[in-house]
Amino acid sequence: MSAVSSVTQLPESRPRRVPPLLARLVDDAALFPPRSATVADAIRDHLSARTSENAATMATFLCPASRLPELITELIR
């Protein structure tokens, strides 16, 4: 007697390959207008994006010089 299962085998998940032209294409400028996010929100969102399926397109986190003290304080927390 053979075992019967209703479970469907899903293919193994593989990381999506990003073409070299698109790799690290998008800088994270959440602290600049029009978004002007809080530093805490911008950091949280950036770290989340770096582990998303589109992470390979994510490049540098940008911070205006005027907000560096705020960024440093938040990173120390």
C-alpha atoms as a PDB file:
ATOM      1  CA  MET A   1       0.000   0.000   0.000  1.00  0.00           C
ATOM      2  CA  SER A   2       1.461   3.377  -0.986  1.00  0.00           C
ATOM      3  CA  ALA A   3       1.304   6.465   1.176  1.00  0.00           C
ATOM      4  CA  VAL A   4      -1.005   9.185  -0.087  1.00  0.00           C
ATOM      5  CA  SER A   5      -0.521  12.818   0.798  1.00  0.00           C
ATOM      6  CA  SER A   6      -2.475  15.925  -0.050  1.00  0.00           C
ATOM      7  CA  VAL A   7       0.569  18.114   0.617  1.00  0.00           C
ATOM      8  CA  THR A   8       1.866  19.837  -2.503  1.00  0.00           C
ATOM      9  CA  GLN A   9       5.617  20.083  -2.825  1.00  0.00           C
ATOM     10  CA  LEU A  10       6.653  23.660  -3.479  1.00  0.00           C
ATOM     11  CA  PRO A  11       9.829  24.412  -5.391  1.00  0.00           C
ATOM     12  CA  GLU A  12      12.780  25.487  -3.310  1.00  0.00           C
ATOM     13  CA  SER A  13      12.954  29.237  -2.998  1.00  0.00           C
ATOM     14  CA  ARG A  14      15.979  30.720  -4.655  1.00  0.00           C
ATOM     15  CA  PRO A  15      17.166  34.307  -4.382  1.00  0.00           C
ATOM     16  CA  ARG A  16      16.059  36.380  -7.320  1.00  0.00           C
ATOM     17  CA  ARG A  17      18.898  37.231  -9.629  1.00  0.00           C
ATOM     18  CA  VAL A  18      19.201  40.940 -10.311  1.00  0.00           C
ATOM     19  CA  PRO A  19      20.797  41.975 -13.598  1.00  0.00           C
ATOM     20  CA  PRO A  20      24.107  43.800 -13.021  1.00  0.00           C
ATOM     21  CA  LEU A  21      22.624  46.964 -14.535  1.00  0.00           C
ATOM     22  CA  LEU A  22      20.033  47.108 -11.726  1.00  0.00           C
ATOM     23  CA  ALA A  23      22.215  45.970  -8.815  1.00  0.00           C
ATOM     24  CA  ARG A  24      22.499  48.624  -6.113  1.00  0.00           C
ATOM     25  CA  LEU A  25      20.599  51.064  -8.332  1.00  0.00           C
ATOM     26  CA  VAL A  26      18.311  52.690  -5.753  1.00  0.00           C
ATOM     27  CA  ASP A  27      19.654  54.911  -2.981  1.00  0.00           C
ATOM     28  CA  ASP A  28      17.529  55.199   0.144  1.00  0.00           C
ATOM     29  CA  ALA A  29      16.663  58.891   0.465  1.00  0.00           C
ATOM     30  CA  ALA A  30      13.773  58.572   2.925  1.00  0.00           C
ATOM     31  CA  LEU A  31      15.101  61.467   5.012  1.00  0.00           C
ATOM     32  CA  PHE A  32      14.738  63.867   2.070  1.00  0.00           C
ATOM     33  CA  PRO A  33      11.550  65.411   0.673  1.00  0.00           C
ATOM     34  CA  PRO A  34       8.981  64.422  -0.366  1.00  0.00           C
ATOM     35  CA  ARG A  35       9.003  61.645   2.258  1.00  0.00           C
ATOM     36  CA  SER A  36      11.017  63.385   5.008  1.00  0.00           C
ATOM     37  CA  ALA A  37      10.692  60.376   7.318  1.00  0.00           C
ATOM     38  CA  THR A  38      11.769  60.375  10.925  1.00  0.00           C
ATOM     39  CA  VAL A  39      15.249  58.963  11.436  1.00  0.00           C
ATOM     40  CA  ALA A  40      13.906  56.018  13.436  1.00  0.00           C
ATOM     41  CA  ASP A  41      11.405  55.134  10.684  1.00  0.00           C
ATOM     42  CA  ALA A  42      13.998  55.563   7.933  1.00  0.00           C
ATOM     43  CA  ILE A  43      16.482  53.247   9.672  1.00  0.00           C
ATOM     44  CA  ARG A  44      13.822  50.621  10.376  1.00  0.00           C
ATOM     45  CA  ASP A  45      12.562  50.724   6.777  1.00  0.00           C
ATOM     46  CA  HIS A  46      16.091  50.594   5.340  1.00  0.00           C
ATOM     47  CA  LEU A  47      17.032  47.544   7.396  1.00  0.00           C
ATOM     48  CA  SER A  48      13.777  45.874   6.407  1.00  0.00           C
ATOM     49  CA  ALA A  49      14.396  46.610   2.715  1.00  0.00           C
ATOM     50  CA  ARG A  50      17.869  45.087   2.945  1.00  0.00           C
ATOM     51  CA  THR A  51      16.302  41.723   3.786  1.00  0.00           C
ATOM     52  CA  SER A  52      13.460  41.932   1.247  1.00  0.00           C
ATOM     53  CA  GLU A  53      13.333  40.177  -2.103  1.00  0.00           C
ATOM     54  CA  ASN A  54      14.450  43.425  -3.778  1.00  0.00           C
ATOM     55  CA  ALA A  55      17.464  43.889  -1.505  1.00  0.00           C
ATOM     56  CA  ALA A  56      19.953  43.528  -4.346  1.00  0.00           C
ATOM     57  CA  THR A  57      18.707  46.788  -5.859  1.00  0.00           C
ATOM     58  CA  MET A  58      19.148  48.699  -2.579  1.00  0.00           C
ATOM     59  CA  ALA A  59      22.219  50.920  -2.418  1.00  0.00           C
ATOM     60  CA  THR A  60      23.327  53.595   0.032  1.00  0.00           C
ATOM     61  CA  PHE A  61      21.371  55.086   2.920  1.00  0.00           C
ATOM     62  CA  LEU A  62      21.517  58.862   2.423  1.00  0.00           C
ATOM     63  CA  CYS A  63      21.403  61.342   5.288  1.00  0.00           C
ATOM     64  CA  PRO A  64      21.567  65.134   5.077  1.00  0.00           C
ATOM     65  CA  ALA A  65      24.438  66.617   7.095  1.00  0.00           C
ATOM     66  CA  SER A  66      21.958  68.624   9.149  1.00  0.00           C
ATOM     67  CA  ARG A  67      20.421  65.364  10.473  1.00  0.00           C
ATOM     68  CA  LEU A  68      23.659  63.506  11.261  1.00  0.00           C
ATOM     69  CA  PRO A  69      23.473  64.150  15.043  1.00  0.00           C
ATOM     70  CA  GLU A  70      19.929  62.741  15.042  1.00  0.00           C
ATOM     71  CA  LEU A  71      21.096  59.700  13.026  1.00  0.00           C
ATOM     72  CA  ILE A  72      24.036  59.047  15.362  1.00  0.00           C
ATOM     73  CA  THR A  73      21.802  59.289  18.421  1.00  0.00           C
ATOM     74  CA  GLU A  74      19.316  56.838  16.924  1.00  0.00           C
ATOM     75  CA  LEU A  75      22.058  54.372  15.919  1.00  0.00           C
ATOM     76  CA  ILE A  76      23.481  54.406  19.459  1.00  0.00           C
ATOM     77  CA  ARG A  77      20.078  53.330  20.806  1.00  0.00           C
END
